[in-house]
Amino acid sequence: MALVRKKKATKAKAAARPKVVKPASKSAKSKSDRSKSTASKSKSHQSKPDPLDDLIVAAAHALALTVESAWKPAVRANLQVIFAQAALVTAFDLPDDAEPAPIFKA
């Protein structure tokens, strides 16, 4: 039974990991082709807003905080890690007969 839980947790970890995409060979494209593709990538990247940016702005507004632009990439990275960890916790299925741990008081 423990082996089944471990497999599920491993699958959840694999799903939460960012996929690494290898860039195309540099020798295959000429310098002008690379500059054109770089310009088109930056335009398409700008047109697709990151939902985490909206969350950062909304949370800062709700908490009456000011978040400097220089800190937003670090905040976004932190949120990505937190959401990946939350996905691992929610992906773990507990058996129906599981009970909470007892509370010990000193």
Protein backbone atom coordinates (compact mmCIF):
# COMPACT_ATOMS: atom_id res chain seq x y z
CA MET A 1 0.00 0.00 0.00
CA ALA A 2 2.87 2.38 0.76
CA LEU A 3 4.31 1.60 -2.66
CA VAL A 4 1.10 2.81 -4.32
CA ARG A 5 1.25 6.12 -2.44
CA LYS A 6 4.89 6.58 -3.44
CA LYS A 7 4.07 6.08 -7.13
CA LYS A 8 1.26 8.64 -6.96
CA ALA A 9 3.53 11.16 -5.25
CA THR A 10 6.24 10.55 -7.88
CA LYS A 11 3.74 11.17 -10.68
CA ALA A 12 2.62 14.38 -9.00
CA LYS A 13 6.23 15.54 -8.67
CA ALA A 14 6.84 14.86 -12.36
CA ALA A 15 3.73 16.82 -13.30
CA ALA A 16 4.75 19.77 -11.12
CA ARG A 17 8.27 20.01 -12.56
CA PRO A 18 8.79 22.58 -15.31
CA LYS A 19 9.58 21.03 -18.66
CA VAL A 20 12.97 21.88 -20.13
CA VAL A 21 12.93 22.70 -23.82
CA LYS A 22 16.24 22.62 -25.63
CA PRO A 23 16.81 25.47 -28.07
CA ALA A 24 17.33 24.72 -31.74
CA SER A 25 20.86 24.44 -33.05
CA LYS A 26 22.47 27.85 -33.53
CA SER A 27 24.26 26.77 -36.68
CA ALA A 28 20.95 25.96 -38.41
CA LYS A 29 19.80 29.59 -38.51
CA SER A 30 21.53 32.62 -39.86
CA LYS A 31 22.13 35.65 -37.67
CA SER A 32 19.31 37.65 -39.30
CA ASP A 33 16.87 34.76 -38.83
CA ARG A 34 17.74 34.59 -35.14
CA SER A 35 17.17 38.30 -34.64
CA LYS A 36 13.78 38.08 -36.37
CA SER A 37 12.71 35.10 -34.30
CA THR A 38 13.89 36.81 -31.11
CA ALA A 39 11.86 39.91 -31.95
CA SER A 40 8.75 37.85 -32.68
CA LYS A 41 9.21 35.86 -29.45
CA SER A 42 9.41 38.99 -27.36
CA LYS A 43 6.26 40.40 -28.99
CA SER A 44 4.31 37.18 -28.42
CA HIS A 45 5.59 36.97 -24.85
CA GLN A 46 4.42 40.51 -24.14
CA SER A 47 0.93 39.84 -25.47
CA LYS A 48 0.45 36.85 -23.15
CA PRO A 49 0.25 38.17 -19.55
CA ASP A 50 1.22 35.89 -16.68
CA PRO A 51 -1.71 35.20 -14.33
CA LEU A 52 0.69 35.27 -11.39
CA ASP A 53 1.43 38.92 -12.16
CA ASP A 54 -2.27 39.70 -11.75
CA LEU A 55 -2.29 37.76 -8.47
CA ILE A 56 0.73 39.68 -7.19
CA VAL A 57 -0.86 43.03 -8.02
CA ALA A 58 -4.25 42.05 -6.55
CA ALA A 59 -2.75 40.64 -3.34
CA ALA A 60 -0.55 43.70 -2.88
CA HIS A 61 -3.56 45.95 -3.39
CA ALA A 62 -5.71 43.92 -0.96
CA LEU A 63 -2.99 44.08 1.70
CA ALA A 64 -2.18 47.74 0.99
CA LEU A 65 1.43 46.88 0.12
CA THR A 66 3.69 48.32 -2.52
CA VAL A 67 5.70 45.79 -4.49
CA GLU A 68 8.62 47.23 -6.41
CA SER A 69 9.05 46.06 -9.99
CA ALA A 70 12.47 44.65 -9.15
CA TRP A 71 10.90 42.28 -6.59
CA LYS A 72 8.13 40.90 -8.83
CA PRO A 73 10.27 38.15 -10.45
CA ALA A 74 11.28 36.87 -7.00
CA VAL A 75 7.68 36.98 -5.77
CA ARG A 76 6.53 35.15 -8.93
CA ALA A 77 9.21 32.46 -8.42
CA ASN A 78 8.13 32.03 -4.79
CA LEU A 79 4.49 31.63 -5.81
CA GLN A 80 5.43 29.04 -8.45
CA VAL A 81 7.23 26.97 -5.81
CA ILE A 82 4.35 27.30 -3.35
CA PHE A 83 1.76 26.26 -5.95
CA ALA A 84 3.90 23.29 -7.04
CA GLN A 85 4.15 22.14 -3.41
CA ALA A 86 0.41 22.63 -2.91
CA ALA A 87 -0.24 20.49 -5.99
CA LEU A 88 1.84 17.68 -4.45
CA VAL A 89 -0.15 17.83 -1.22
CA THR A 90 -3.53 17.85 -2.94
CA ALA A 91 -2.50 15.05 -5.33
CA PHE A 92 -1.81 12.69 -2.42
CA ASP A 93 -4.87 10.52 -1.83
CA LEU A 94 -5.57 9.55 1.75
CA PRO A 95 -7.37 6.31 2.54
CA ASP A 96 -10.92 6.58 3.84
CA ASP A 97 -9.94 5.23 7.26
CA ALA A 98 -7.20 7.85 7.84
CA GLU A 99 -7.57 9.84 11.02
CA PRO A 100 -5.85 13.06 12.09
CA ALA A 101 -2.86 12.79 14.37
CA PRO A 102 -3.52 13.27 18.09
CA ILE A 103 -2.73 16.65 19.62
CA PHE A 104 -0.19 16.55 22.42
CA LYS A 105 -0.12 19.33 24.98
CA ALA A 106 2.75 19.87 27.37
